[in-house]
PDB file of all heavy atoms in Angstrom:
ATOM      1  N   GLN A   1      90.775 100.908 103.264  1.00  0.00           N
ATOM      2  CA  GLN A   1      91.998 101.237 102.535  1.00  0.00           C
ATOM      3  C   GLN A   1      91.871 102.534 101.745  1.00  0.00           C
ATOM      4  O   GLN A   1      92.826 103.320 101.681  1.00  0.00           O
ATOM      5  CB  GLN A   1      92.366 100.080 101.599  1.00  0.00           C
ATOM      6  CG  GLN A   1      92.750  98.802 102.335  1.00  0.00           C
ATOM      7  CD  GLN A   1      93.135  97.676 101.392  1.00  0.00           C
ATOM      8  OE1 GLN A   1      93.123  97.833 100.173  1.00  0.00           O
ATOM      9  NE2 GLN A   1      93.476  96.525 101.948  1.00  0.00           N
ATOM     10  N   LEU A   2      90.713 102.772 101.137  1.00  0.00           N
ATOM     11  CA  LEU A   2      90.568 104.004 100.362  1.00  0.00           C
ATOM     12  C   LEU A   2      90.635 105.222 101.276  1.00  0.00           C
ATOM     13  O   LEU A   2      91.263 106.226 100.928  1.00  0.00           O
ATOM     14  CB  LEU A   2      89.258 103.990  99.579  1.00  0.00           C
ATOM     15  CG  LEU A   2      88.976 105.253  98.759  1.00  0.00           C
ATOM     16  CD1 LEU A   2      90.086 105.519  97.751  1.00  0.00           C
ATOM     17  CD2 LEU A   2      87.616 105.146  98.058  1.00  0.00           C
ATOM     18  N   LEU A   3      90.021 105.154 102.446  1.00  0.00           N
ATOM     19  CA  LEU A   3      90.072 106.281 103.380  1.00  0.00           C
ATOM     20  C   LEU A   3      91.519 106.550 103.802  1.00  0.00           C
ATOM     21  O   LEU A   3      91.958 107.707 103.858  1.00  0.00           O
ATOM     22  CB  LEU A   3      89.206 105.997 104.600  1.00  0.00           C
ATOM     23  CG  LEU A   3      89.158 107.104 105.657  1.00  0.00           C
ATOM     24  CD1 LEU A   3      88.614 108.401 105.065  1.00  0.00           C
ATOM     25  CD2 LEU A   3      88.314 106.658 106.851  1.00  0.00           C
ATOM     26  N   ALA A   4      92.267 105.484 104.079  1.00  0.00           N
ATOM     27  CA  ALA A   4      93.669 105.654 104.458  1.00  0.00           C
ATOM     28  C   ALA A   4      94.468 106.290 103.327  1.00  0.00           C
ATOM     29  O   ALA A   4      95.302 107.179 103.551  1.00  0.00           O
ATOM     30  CB  ALA A   4      94.267 104.309 104.846  1.00  0.00           C
ATOM     31  N   ALA A   5      94.213 105.846 102.092  1.00  0.00           N
ATOM     32  CA  ALA A   5      94.946 106.399 100.949  1.00  0.00           C
ATOM     33  C   ALA A   5      94.585 107.860 100.717  1.00  0.00           C
ATOM     34  O   ALA A   5      95.460 108.685 100.417  1.00  0.00           O
ATOM     35  CB  ALA A   5      94.644 105.570  99.704  1.00  0.00           C
ATOM     36  N   ILE A   6      93.311 108.192 100.851  1.00  0.00           N
ATOM     37  CA  ILE A   6      92.881 109.568 100.616  1.00  0.00           C
ATOM     38  C   ILE A   6      93.461 110.505 101.676  1.00  0.00           C
ATOM     39  O   ILE A   6      93.962 111.591 101.359  1.00  0.00           O
ATOM     40  CB  ILE A   6      91.341 109.640 100.581  1.00  0.00           C
ATOM     41  CG1 ILE A   6      90.842 109.157  99.207  1.00  0.00           C
ATOM     42  CG2 ILE A   6      90.825 111.042 100.880  1.00  0.00           C
ATOM     43  CD1 ILE A   6      89.344 109.135  99.057  1.00  0.00           C
ATOM     44  N   THR A   7      93.401 110.105 102.928  1.00  0.00           N
ATOM     45  CA  THR A   7      93.917 110.987 103.980  1.00  0.00           C
ATOM     46  C   THR A   7      95.441 111.118 103.912  1.00  0.00           C
ATOM     47  O   THR A   7      95.988 112.110 104.388  1.00  0.00           O
ATOM     48  CB  THR A   7      93.498 110.485 105.368  1.00  0.00           C
ATOM     49  OG1 THR A   7      93.899 109.110 105.526  1.00  0.00           O
ATOM     50  CG2 THR A   7      91.989 110.577 105.552  1.00  0.00           C
ATOM     51  N   ALA A   8      96.103 110.138 103.316  1.00  0.00           N
ATOM     52  CA  ALA A   8      97.564 110.208 103.200  1.00  0.00           C
ATOM     53  C   ALA A   8      98.028 110.909 101.930  1.00  0.00           C
ATOM     54  O   ALA A   8      99.210 111.242 101.804  1.00  0.00           O
ATOM     55  CB  ALA A   8      98.158 108.794 103.238  1.00  0.00           C
ATOM     56  N   ALA A   9      97.119 111.141 100.979  1.00  0.00           N
ATOM     57  CA  ALA A   9      97.506 111.735  99.700  1.00  0.00           C
ATOM     58  C   ALA A   9      98.025 113.153  99.907  1.00  0.00           C
ATOM     59  O   ALA A   9      97.663 113.853 100.852  1.00  0.00           O
ATOM     60  CB  ALA A   9      96.321 111.728  98.739  1.00  0.00           C
ATOM     61  N   GLU A  10      98.860 113.601  98.961  1.00  0.00           N
ATOM     62  CA  GLU A  10      99.570 114.868  99.160  1.00  0.00           C
ATOM     63  C   GLU A  10      98.704 116.086  98.905  1.00  0.00           C
ATOM     64  O   GLU A  10      98.969 117.174  99.420  1.00  0.00           O
ATOM     65  CB  GLU A  10     100.810 114.915  98.283  1.00  0.00           C
ATOM     66  CG  GLU A  10     100.524 114.830  96.790  1.00  0.00           C
ATOM     67  CD  GLU A  10     101.788 114.821  95.947  1.00  0.00           C
ATOM     68  OE1 GLU A  10     102.879 114.616  96.525  1.00  0.00           O
ATOM     69  OE2 GLU A  10     101.679 115.020  94.727  1.00  0.00           O
ATOM     70  N   ASP A  11      97.648 115.965  98.078  1.00  0.00           N
ATOM     71  CA  ASP A  11      96.800 117.127  97.816  1.00  0.00           C
ATOM     72  C   ASP A  11      95.424 116.663  97.360  1.00  0.00           C
ATOM     73  O   ASP A  11      95.186 115.470  97.144  1.00  0.00           O
ATOM     74  CB  ASP A  11      97.433 118.069  96.789  1.00  0.00           C
ATOM     75  CG  ASP A  11      97.749 117.380  95.466  1.00  0.00           C
ATOM     76  OD1 ASP A  11      96.963 116.509  95.033  1.00  0.00           O
ATOM     77  OD2 ASP A  11      98.793 117.708  94.860  1.00  0.00           O
ATOM     78  N   ASP A  12      94.531 117.636  97.205  1.00  0.00           N
ATOM     79  CA  ASP A  12      93.147 117.309  96.868  1.00  0.00           C
ATOM     80  C   ASP A  12      93.019 116.727  95.466  1.00  0.00           C
ATOM     81  O   ASP A  12      92.129 115.906  95.211  1.00  0.00           O
ATOM     82  CB  ASP A  12      92.260 118.546  97.000  1.00  0.00           C
ATOM     83  CG  ASP A  12      92.022 118.935  98.452  1.00  0.00           C
ATOM     84  OD1 ASP A  12      92.567 118.256  99.342  1.00  0.00           O
ATOM     85  OD2 ASP A  12      91.283 119.908  98.695  1.00  0.00           O
ATOM     86  N   ASP A  13      93.870 117.128  94.544  1.00  0.00           N
ATOM     87  CA  ASP A  13      93.811 116.554  93.195  1.00  0.00           C
ATOM     88  C   ASP A  13      94.110 115.059  93.249  1.00  0.00           C
ATOM     89  O   ASP A  13      93.436 114.254  92.586  1.00  0.00           O
ATOM     90  CB  ASP A  13      94.810 117.254  92.266  1.00  0.00           C
ATOM     91  CG  ASP A  13      94.370 118.659  91.889  1.00  0.00           C
ATOM     92  OD1 ASP A  13      93.168 118.958  92.059  1.00  0.00           O
ATOM     93  OD2 ASP A  13      95.221 119.444  91.438  1.00  0.00           O
ATOM     94  N   ALA A  14      95.110 114.682  94.036  1.00  0.00           N
ATOM     95  CA  ALA A  14      95.441 113.258  94.170  1.00  0.00           C
ATOM     96  C   ALA A  14      94.298 112.510  94.848  1.00  0.00           C
ATOM     97  O   ALA A  14      93.977 111.378  94.470  1.00  0.00           O
ATOM     98  CB  ALA A  14      96.735 113.096  94.964  1.00  0.00           C
ATOM     99  N   ARG A  15      93.687 113.142  95.839  1.00  0.00           N
ATOM    100  CA  ARG A  15      92.559 112.496  96.524  1.00  0.00           C
ATOM    101  C   ARG A  15      91.385 112.307  95.560  1.00  0.00           C
ATOM    102  O   ARG A  15      90.744 111.257  95.544  1.00  0.00           O
ATOM    103  CB  ARG A  15      92.129 113.341  97.721  1.00  0.00           C
ATOM    104  CG  ARG A  15      93.183 113.454  98.812  1.00  0.00           C
ATOM    105  CD  ARG A  15      92.667 114.250 100.007  1.00  0.00           C
ATOM    106  NE  ARG A  15      93.710 114.384 101.005  1.00  0.00           N
ATOM    107  CZ  ARG A  15      94.491 115.451 101.140  1.00  0.00           C
ATOM    108  NH1 ARG A  15      94.314 116.504 100.347  1.00  0.00           N
ATOM    109  NH2 ARG A  15      95.428 115.487 102.060  1.00  0.00           N
ATOM    110  N   SER A  16      91.109 113.306  94.773  1.00  0.00           N
ATOM    111  CA  SER A  16      89.999 113.207  93.817  1.00  0.00           C
ATOM    112  C   SER A  16      90.251 112.105  92.801  1.00  0.00           C
ATOM    113  O   SER A  16      89.336 111.355  92.432  1.00  0.00           O
ATOM    114  CB  SER A  16      89.801 114.554  93.112  1.00  0.00           C
ATOM    115  OG  SER A  16      89.517 115.576  94.043  1.00  0.00           O
ATOM    116  N   ALA A  17      91.483 111.985  92.339  1.00  0.00           N
ATOM    117  CA  ALA A  17      91.812 110.931  91.375  1.00  0.00           C
ATOM    118  C   ALA A  17      91.644 109.553  91.999  1.00  0.00           C
ATOM    119  O   ALA A  17      91.139 108.622  91.350  1.00  0.00           O
ATOM    120  CB  ALA A  17      93.246 111.124  90.870  1.00  0.00           C
ATOM    121  N   LEU A  18      92.050 109.392  93.253  1.00  0.00           N
ATOM    122  CA  LEU A  18      91.870 108.106  93.945  1.00  0.00           C
ATOM    123  C   LEU A  18      90.393 107.747  94.039  1.00  0.00           C
ATOM    124  O   LEU A  18      90.003 106.598  93.789  1.00  0.00           O
ATOM    125  CB  LEU A  18      92.481 108.188  95.342  1.00  0.00           C
ATOM    126  CG  LEU A  18      94.000 108.139  95.454  1.00  0.00           C
ATOM    127  CD1 LEU A  18      94.436 108.506  96.872  1.00  0.00           C
ATOM    128  CD2 LEU A  18      94.527 106.754  95.082  1.00  0.00           C
ATOM    129  N   LEU A  19      89.577 108.717  94.375  1.00  0.00           N
ATOM    130  CA  LEU A  19      88.142 108.458  94.523  1.00  0.00           C
ATOM    131  C   LEU A  19      87.515 108.121  93.168  1.00  0.00           C
ATOM    132  O   LEU A  19      86.711 107.181  93.058  1.00  0.00           O
ATOM    133  CB  LEU A  19      87.458 109.670  95.143  1.00  0.00           C
ATOM    134  CG  LEU A  19      85.963 109.516  95.440  1.00  0.00           C
ATOM    135  CD1 LEU A  19      85.715 108.429  96.480  1.00  0.00           C
ATOM    136  CD2 LEU A  19      85.365 110.847  95.919  1.00  0.00           C
ATOM    137  N   ASP A  20      87.866 108.864  92.134  1.00  0.00           N
ATOM    138  CA  ASP A  20      87.323 108.595  90.801  1.00  0.00           C
ATOM    139  C   ASP A  20      87.708 107.195  90.317  1.00  0.00           C
ATOM    140  O   ASP A  20      86.876 106.466  89.757  1.00  0.00           O
ATOM    141  CB  ASP A  20      87.816 109.636  89.803  1.00  0.00           C
ATOM    142  CG  ASP A  20      87.195 111.002  90.031  1.00  0.00           C
ATOM    143  OD1 ASP A  20      86.220 111.096  90.803  1.00  0.00           O
ATOM    144  OD2 ASP A  20      87.694 111.981  89.430  1.00  0.00           O
ATOM    145  N   ASP A  21      88.959 106.824  90.513  1.00  0.00           N
ATOM    146  CA  ASP A  21      89.410 105.498  90.094  1.00  0.00           C
ATOM    147  C   ASP A  21      88.643 104.411  90.840  1.00  0.00           C
ATOM    148  O   ASP A  21      88.264 103.386  90.255  1.00  0.00           O
ATOM    149  CB  ASP A  21      90.913 105.344  90.350  1.00  0.00           C
ATOM    150  CG  ASP A  21      91.754 106.189  89.405  1.00  0.00           C
ATOM    151  OD1 ASP A  21      91.203 106.678  88.391  1.00  0.00           O
ATOM    152  OD2 ASP A  21      92.951 106.374  89.684  1.00  0.00           O
ATOM    153  N   TYR A  22      88.445 104.621  92.125  1.00  0.00           N
ATOM    154  CA  TYR A  22      87.708 103.636  92.932  1.00  0.00           C
ATOM    155  C   TYR A  22      86.278 103.479  92.416  1.00  0.00           C
ATOM    156  O   TYR A  22      85.778 102.354  92.271  1.00  0.00           O
ATOM    157  CB  TYR A  22      87.698 104.087  94.387  1.00  0.00           C
ATOM    158  CG  TYR A  22      87.044 103.106  95.339  1.00  0.00           C
ATOM    159  CD1 TYR A  22      87.777 102.060  95.888  1.00  0.00           C
ATOM    160  CD2 TYR A  22      85.715 103.241  95.688  1.00  0.00           C
ATOM    161  CE1 TYR A  22      87.187 101.165  96.766  1.00  0.00           C
ATOM    162  CE2 TYR A  22      85.109 102.355  96.565  1.00  0.00           C
ATOM    163  CZ  TYR A  22      85.849 101.313  97.108  1.00  0.00           C
ATOM    164  OH  TYR A  22      85.252 100.434  97.975  1.00  0.00           O
ATOM    165  N   ALA A  23      85.615 104.589  92.124  1.00  0.00           N
ATOM    166  CA  ALA A  23      84.240 104.527  91.636  1.00  0.00           C
ATOM    167  C   ALA A  23      84.163 103.810  90.299  1.00  0.00           C
ATOM    168  O   ALA A  23      83.258 102.988  90.064  1.00  0.00           O
ATOM    169  CB  ALA A  23      83.664 105.941  91.522  1.00  0.00           C
ATOM    170  N   GLU A  24      85.085 104.091  89.400  1.00  0.00           N
ATOM    171  CA  GLU A  24      85.090 103.428  88.096  1.00  0.00           C
ATOM    172  C   GLU A  24      85.276 101.921  88.254  1.00  0.00           C
ATOM    173  O   GLU A  24      84.584 101.125  87.599  1.00  0.00           O
ATOM    174  CB  GLU A  24      86.193 104.009  87.213  1.00  0.00           C
ATOM    175  CG  GLU A  24      85.923 105.421  86.731  1.00  0.00           C
ATOM    176  CD  GLU A  24      87.068 105.959  85.897  1.00  0.00           C
ATOM    177  OE1 GLU A  24      88.085 105.244  85.748  1.00  0.00           O
ATOM    178  OE2 GLU A  24      86.952 107.096  85.389  1.00  0.00           O
ATOM    179  N   ARG A  25      86.222 101.508  89.104  1.00  0.00           N
ATOM    180  CA  ARG A  25      86.456 100.079  89.311  1.00  0.00           C
ATOM    181  C   ARG A  25      85.261  99.414  89.977  1.00  0.00           C
ATOM    182  O   ARG A  25      84.914  98.276  89.646  1.00  0.00           O
ATOM    183  CB  ARG A  25      87.712  99.862  90.154  1.00  0.00           C
ATOM    184  CG  ARG A  25      89.007 100.150  89.441  1.00  0.00           C
ATOM    185  CD  ARG A  25      90.199  99.508  90.178  1.00  0.00           C
ATOM    186  NE  ARG A  25      90.187  99.814  91.596  1.00  0.00           N
ATOM    187  CZ  ARG A  25      90.717 100.916  92.118  1.00  0.00           C
ATOM    188  NH1 ARG A  25      91.274 101.823  91.329  1.00  0.00           N
ATOM    189  NH2 ARG A  25      90.683 101.117  93.428  1.00  0.00           N
ATOM    190  N   ALA A  26      84.633 100.090  90.921  1.00  0.00           N
ATOM    191  CA  ALA A  26      83.480  99.511  91.611  1.00  0.00           C
ATOM    192  C   ALA A  26      82.359  99.197  90.642  1.00  0.00           C
ATOM    193  O   ALA A  26      81.619  98.216  90.823  1.00  0.00           O
ATOM    194  CB  ALA A  26      82.987 100.461  92.700  1.00  0.00           C
ATOM    195  N   ASP A  27      82.217 100.013  89.599  1.00  0.00           N
ATOM    196  CA  ASP A  27      81.183  99.767  88.599  1.00  0.00           C
ATOM    197  C   ASP A  27      81.606  98.698  87.612  1.00  0.00           C
ATOM    198  O   ASP A  27      80.840  97.796  87.280  1.00  0.00           O
ATOM    199  CB  ASP A  27      80.865 101.069  87.859  1.00  0.00           C
ATOM    200  CG  ASP A  27      79.853 100.864  86.745  1.00  0.00           C
ATOM    201  OD1 ASP A  27      78.698 100.511  87.056  1.00  0.00           O
ATOM    202  OD2 ASP A  27      80.218 101.040  85.562  1.00  0.00           O
ATOM    203  N   ALA A  28      82.852  98.768  87.140  1.00  0.00           N
ATOM    204  CA  ALA A  28      83.325  97.839  86.105  1.00  0.00           C
ATOM    205  C   ALA A  28      83.691  96.475  86.670  1.00  0.00           C
ATOM    206  O   ALA A  28      83.511  95.447  86.005  1.00  0.00           O
ATOM    207  CB  ALA A  28      84.524  98.438  85.379  1.00  0.00           C
ATOM    208  N   GLU A  29      84.212  96.452  87.902  1.00  0.00           N
ATOM    209  CA  GLU A  29      84.634  95.211  88.549  1.00  0.00           C
ATOM    210  C   GLU A  29      84.022  95.171  89.954  1.00  0.00           C
ATOM    211  O   GLU A  29      84.660  95.568  90.930  1.00  0.00           O
ATOM    212  CB  GLU A  29      86.161  95.153  88.635  1.00  0.00           C
ATOM    213  CG  GLU A  29      86.867  95.332  87.301  1.00  0.00           C
ATOM    214  CD  GLU A  29      88.364  95.522  87.481  1.00  0.00           C
ATOM    215  OE1 GLU A  29      88.956  94.849  88.362  1.00  0.00           O
ATOM    216  OE2 GLU A  29      88.934  96.358  86.768  1.00  0.00           O
ATOM    217  N   PRO A  30      82.790  94.719  90.079  1.00  0.00           N
ATOM    218  CA  PRO A  30      82.076  94.824  91.360  1.00  0.00           C
ATOM    219  C   PRO A  30      82.784  94.181  92.541  1.00  0.00           C
ATOM    220  O   PRO A  30      82.575  94.605  93.688  1.00  0.00           O
ATOM    221  CB  PRO A  30      80.742  94.122  91.064  1.00  0.00           C
ATOM    222  CG  PRO A  30      80.553  94.263  89.591  1.00  0.00           C
ATOM    223  CD  PRO A  30      81.921  94.179  89.009  1.00  0.00           C
ATOM    224  N   ASP A  31      83.633  93.179  92.290  1.00  0.00           N
ATOM    225  CA  ASP A  31      84.291  92.527  93.419  1.00  0.00           C
ATOM    226  C   ASP A  31      85.408  93.378  94.025  1.00  0.00           C
ATOM    227  O   ASP A  31      86.026  92.985  95.017  1.00  0.00           O
ATOM    228  CB  ASP A  31      84.838  91.156  93.015  1.00  0.00           C
ATOM    229  CG  ASP A  31      85.843  91.220  91.868  1.00  0.00           C
ATOM    230  OD1 ASP A  31      86.016  92.310  91.295  1.00  0.00           O
ATOM    231  OD2 ASP A  31      86.445  90.178  91.551  1.00  0.00           O
ATOM    232  N   THR A  32      85.671  94.577  93.472  1.00  0.00           N
ATOM    233  CA  THR A  32      86.672  95.464  94.062  1.00  0.00           C
ATOM    234  C   THR A  32      86.084  96.353  95.152  1.00  0.00           C
ATOM    235  O   THR A  32      86.827  97.073  95.833  1.00  0.00           O
ATOM    236  CB  THR A  32      87.306  96.362  92.986  1.00  0.00           C
ATOM    237  OG1 THR A  32      86.289  97.213  92.415  1.00  0.00           O
ATOM    238  CG2 THR A  32      87.945  95.515  91.894  1.00  0.00           C
ATOM    239  N   ALA A  33      84.771  96.336  95.314  1.00  0.00           N
ATOM    240  CA  ALA A  33      84.118  97.140  96.355  1.00  0.00           C
ATOM    241  C   ALA A  33      82.963  96.344  96.927  1.00  0.00           C
ATOM    242  O   ALA A  33      82.333  95.543  96.223  1.00  0.00           O
ATOM    243  CB  ALA A  33      83.611  98.467  95.783  1.00  0.00           C
ATOM    244  N   ARG A  34      82.701  96.547  98.177  1.00  0.00           N
ATOM    245  CA  ARG A  34      81.516  95.927  98.785  1.00  0.00           C
ATOM    246  C   ARG A  34      80.735  97.012  99.507  1.00  0.00           C
ATOM    247  O   ARG A  34      81.222  97.658 100.420  1.00  0.00           O
ATOM    248  CB  ARG A  34      81.888  94.821  99.770  1.00  0.00           C
ATOM    249  CG  ARG A  34      80.683  94.309 100.576  1.00  0.00           C
ATOM    250  CD  ARG A  34      80.900  92.939 101.203  1.00  0.00           C
ATOM    251  NE  ARG A  34      80.914  91.905 100.187  1.00  0.00           N
ATOM    252  CZ  ARG A  34      81.918  91.038 100.015  1.00  0.00           C
ATOM    253  NH1 ARG A  34      82.976  91.094 100.809  1.00  0.00           N
ATOM    254  NH2 ARG A  34      81.863  90.132  99.067  1.00  0.00           N
ATOM    255  N   TRP A  35      79.487  97.200  99.078  1.00  0.00           N
ATOM    256  CA  TRP A  35      78.611  98.183  99.710  1.00  0.00           C
ATOM    257  C   TRP A  35      77.728  97.546 100.788  1.00  0.00           C
ATOM    258  O   TRP A  35      77.117  98.251 101.586  1.00  0.00           O
ATOM    259  CB  TRP A  35      77.742  98.878  98.668  1.00  0.00           C
ATOM    260  CG  TRP A  35      78.511  99.449  97.511  1.00  0.00           C
ATOM    261  CD1 TRP A  35      78.450  99.035  96.211  1.00  0.00           C
ATOM    262  CD2 TRP A  35      79.445 100.541  97.518  1.00  0.00           C
ATOM    263  NE1 TRP A  35      79.283  99.790  95.415  1.00  0.00           N
ATOM    264  CE2 TRP A  35      79.906 100.725  96.193  1.00  0.00           C
ATOM    265  CE3 TRP A  35      79.944 101.378  98.523  1.00  0.00           C
ATOM    266  CZ2 TRP A  35      80.827 101.711  95.852  1.00  0.00           C
ATOM    267  CZ3 TRP A  35      80.864 102.364  98.177  1.00  0.00           C
ATOM    268  CH2 TRP A  35      81.292 102.522  96.863  1.00  0.00           C
ATOM    269  N   SER A  36      77.616  96.226 100.795  1.00  0.00           N
ATOM    270  CA  SER A  36      76.855  95.529 101.836  1.00  0.00           C
ATOM    271  C   SER A  36      77.612  95.608 103.158  1.00  0.00           C
ATOM    272  O   SER A  36      78.839  95.764 103.177  1.00  0.00           O
ATOM    273  CB  SER A  36      76.642  94.061 101.453  1.00  0.00           C
ATOM    274  OG  SER A  36      75.972  93.938 100.219  1.00  0.00           O
ATOM    275  N   TYR A  37      76.889  95.455 104.260  1.00  0.00           N
ATOM    276  CA  TYR A  37      77.530  95.528 105.580  1.00  0.00           C
ATOM    277  C   TYR A  37      76.647  94.847 106.620  1.00  0.00           C
ATOM    278  O   TYR A  37      75.489  94.491 106.346  1.00  0.00           O
ATOM    279  CB  TYR A  37      77.794  96.984 105.985  1.00  0.00           C
ATOM    280  CG  TYR A  37      76.556  97.861 105.969  1.00  0.00           C
ATOM    281  CD1 TYR A  37      75.792  98.054 107.115  1.00  0.00           C
ATOM    282  CD2 TYR A  37      76.151  98.506 104.803  1.00  0.00           C
ATOM    283  CE1 TYR A  37      74.657  98.852 107.100  1.00  0.00           C
ATOM    284  CE2 TYR A  37      75.025  99.300 104.767  1.00  0.00           C
ATOM    285  CZ  TYR A  37      74.276  99.475 105.925  1.00  0.00           C
ATOM    286  OH  TYR A  37      73.148 100.257 105.901  1.00  0.00           O
ATOM    287  N   VAL A  38      77.202  94.669 107.807  1.00  0.00           N
ATOM    288  CA  VAL A  38      76.518  94.016 108.921  1.00  0.00           C
ATOM    289  C   VAL A  38      76.521  94.940 110.130  1.00  0.00           C
ATOM    290  O   VAL A  38      77.512  95.620 110.393  1.00  0.00           O
ATOM    291  CB  VAL A  38      77.204  92.679 109.284  1.00  0.00           C
ATOM    292  CG1 VAL A  38      76.657  92.115 110.594  1.00  0.00           C
ATOM    293  CG2 VAL A  38      77.007  91.663 108.172  1.00  0.00           C
ATOM    294  N   ARG A  39      75.412  94.970 110.842  1.00  0.00           N
ATOM    295  CA  ARG A  39      75.358  95.644 112.134  1.00  0.00           C
ATOM    296  C   ARG A  39      74.774  94.677 113.155  1.00  0.00           C
ATOM    297  O   ARG A  39      73.754  94.025 112.890  1.00  0.00           O
ATOM    298  CB  ARG A  39      74.443  96.881 112.074  1.00  0.00           C
ATOM    299  CG  ARG A  39      74.988  98.040 111.266  1.00  0.00           C
ATOM    300  CD  ARG A  39      76.113  98.766 111.973  1.00  0.00           C
ATOM    301  NE  ARG A  39      75.744  99.178 113.322  1.00  0.00           N
ATOM    302  CZ  ARG A  39      75.091 100.299 113.618  1.00  0.00           C
ATOM    303  NH1 ARG A  39      74.727 101.125 112.646  1.00  0.00           N
ATOM    304  NH2 ARG A  39      74.815 100.603 114.871  1.00  0.00           N
ATOM    305  N   ASP A  40      75.411  94.561 114.300  1.00  0.00           N
ATOM    306  CA  ASP A  40      74.913  93.720 115.390  1.00  0.00           C
ATOM    307  C   ASP A  40      74.465  94.608 116.540  1.00  0.00           C
ATOM    308  O   ASP A  40      75.158  95.558 116.923  1.00  0.00           O
ATOM    309  CB  ASP A  40      76.009  92.762 115.880  1.00  0.00           C
ATOM    310  CG  ASP A  40      76.262  91.634 114.896  1.00  0.00           C
ATOM    311  OD1 ASP A  40      75.277  91.027 114.441  1.00  0.00           O
ATOM    312  OD2 ASP A  40      77.437  91.375 114.565  1.00  0.00           O
ATOM    313  N   PHE A  41      73.297  94.295 117.079  1.00  0.00           N
ATOM    314  CA  PHE A  41      72.728  95.031 118.201  1.00  0.00           C
ATOM    315  C   PHE A  41      72.469  94.052 119.340  1.00  0.00           C
ATOM    316  O   PHE A  41      71.988  92.934 119.112  1.00  0.00           O
ATOM    317  CB  PHE A  41      71.411  95.700 117.813  1.00  0.00           C
ATOM    318  CG  PHE A  41      71.513  96.575 116.595  1.00  0.00           C
ATOM    319  CD1 PHE A  41      71.238  96.070 115.326  1.00  0.00           C
ATOM    320  CD2 PHE A  41      71.876  97.906 116.704  1.00  0.00           C
ATOM    321  CE1 PHE A  41      71.326  96.865 114.202  1.00  0.00           C
ATOM    322  CE2 PHE A  41      71.965  98.719 115.587  1.00  0.00           C
ATOM    323  CZ  PHE A  41      71.691  98.196 114.332  1.00  0.00           C
ATOM    324  N   GLY A  42      72.750  94.453 120.570  1.00  0.00           N
ATOM    325  CA  GLY A  42      72.574  93.545 121.694  1.00  0.00           C
ATOM    326  C   GLY A  42      73.816  92.711 121.896  1.00  0.00           C
ATOM    327  O   GLY A  42      74.833  92.857 121.204  1.00  0.00           O
ATOM    328  N   ARG A  43      73.755  91.798 122.876  1.00  0.00           N
ATOM    329  CA  ARG A  43      74.950  91.018 123.242  1.00  0.00           C
ATOM    330  C   ARG A  43      74.627  89.537 123.261  1.00  0.00           C
ATOM    331  O   ARG A  43      73.527  89.116 123.595  1.00  0.00           O
ATOM    332  CB  ARG A  43      75.446  91.436 124.622  1.00  0.00           C
ATOM    333  CG  ARG A  43      75.876  92.890 124.696  1.00  0.00           C
ATOM    334  CD  ARG A  43      76.488  93.210 126.035  1.00  0.00           C
ATOM    335  NE  ARG A  43      75.549  92.967 127.121  1.00  0.00           N
ATOM    336  CZ  ARG A  43      75.867  93.167 128.395  1.00  0.00           C
ATOM    337  NH1 ARG A  43      77.076  93.555 128.732  1.00  0.00           N
ATOM    338  NH2 ARG A  43      74.977  92.951 129.342  1.00  0.00           N
ATOM    339  N   THR A  44      75.607  88.746 122.904  1.00  0.00           N
ATOM    340  CA  THR A  44      75.506  87.293 123.033  1.00  0.00           C
ATOM    341  C   THR A  44      76.759  86.782 123.712  1.00  0.00           C
ATOM    342  O   THR A  44      77.828  87.385 123.636  1.00  0.00           O
ATOM    343  CB  THR A  44      75.369  86.607 121.657  1.00  0.00           C
ATOM    344  OG1 THR A  44      76.488  86.978 120.856  1.00  0.00           O
ATOM    345  CG2 THR A  44      74.089  87.009 120.964  1.00  0.00           C
ATOM    346  N   ALA A  45      76.618  85.653 124.403  1.00  0.00           N
ATOM    347  CA  ALA A  45      77.783  85.021 125.016  1.00  0.00           C
ATOM    348  C   ALA A  45      78.586  84.289 123.960  1.00  0.00           C
ATOM    349  O   ALA A  45      78.122  84.033 122.852  1.00  0.00           O
ATOM    350  CB  ALA A  45      77.335  84.059 126.112  1.00  0.00           C
ATOM    351  N   THR A  46      79.810  83.917 124.305  1.00  0.00           N
ATOM    352  CA  THR A  46      80.678  83.269 123.325  1.00  0.00           C
ATOM    353  C   THR A  46      80.145  81.906 122.904  1.00  0.00           C
ATOM    354  O   THR A  46      80.471  81.425 121.821  1.00  0.00           O
ATOM    355  CB  THR A  46      82.086  83.098 123.905  1.00  0.00           C
ATOM    356  OG1 THR A  46      81.994  82.385 125.155  1.00  0.00           O
ATOM    357  CG2 THR A  46      82.719  84.452 124.172  1.00  0.00           C
TER     358      THR A  46
END
């Protein structure tokens, strides 16, 4: 969602503000961002 919002923003100032707000919330309210992720390698049947 943040990438979509940044690419749709009207100018770089708006994009910078979106990013700054996201970073502040990620620190103050950790459940607003997730830095963990999953990668799967290889194949399995259903």
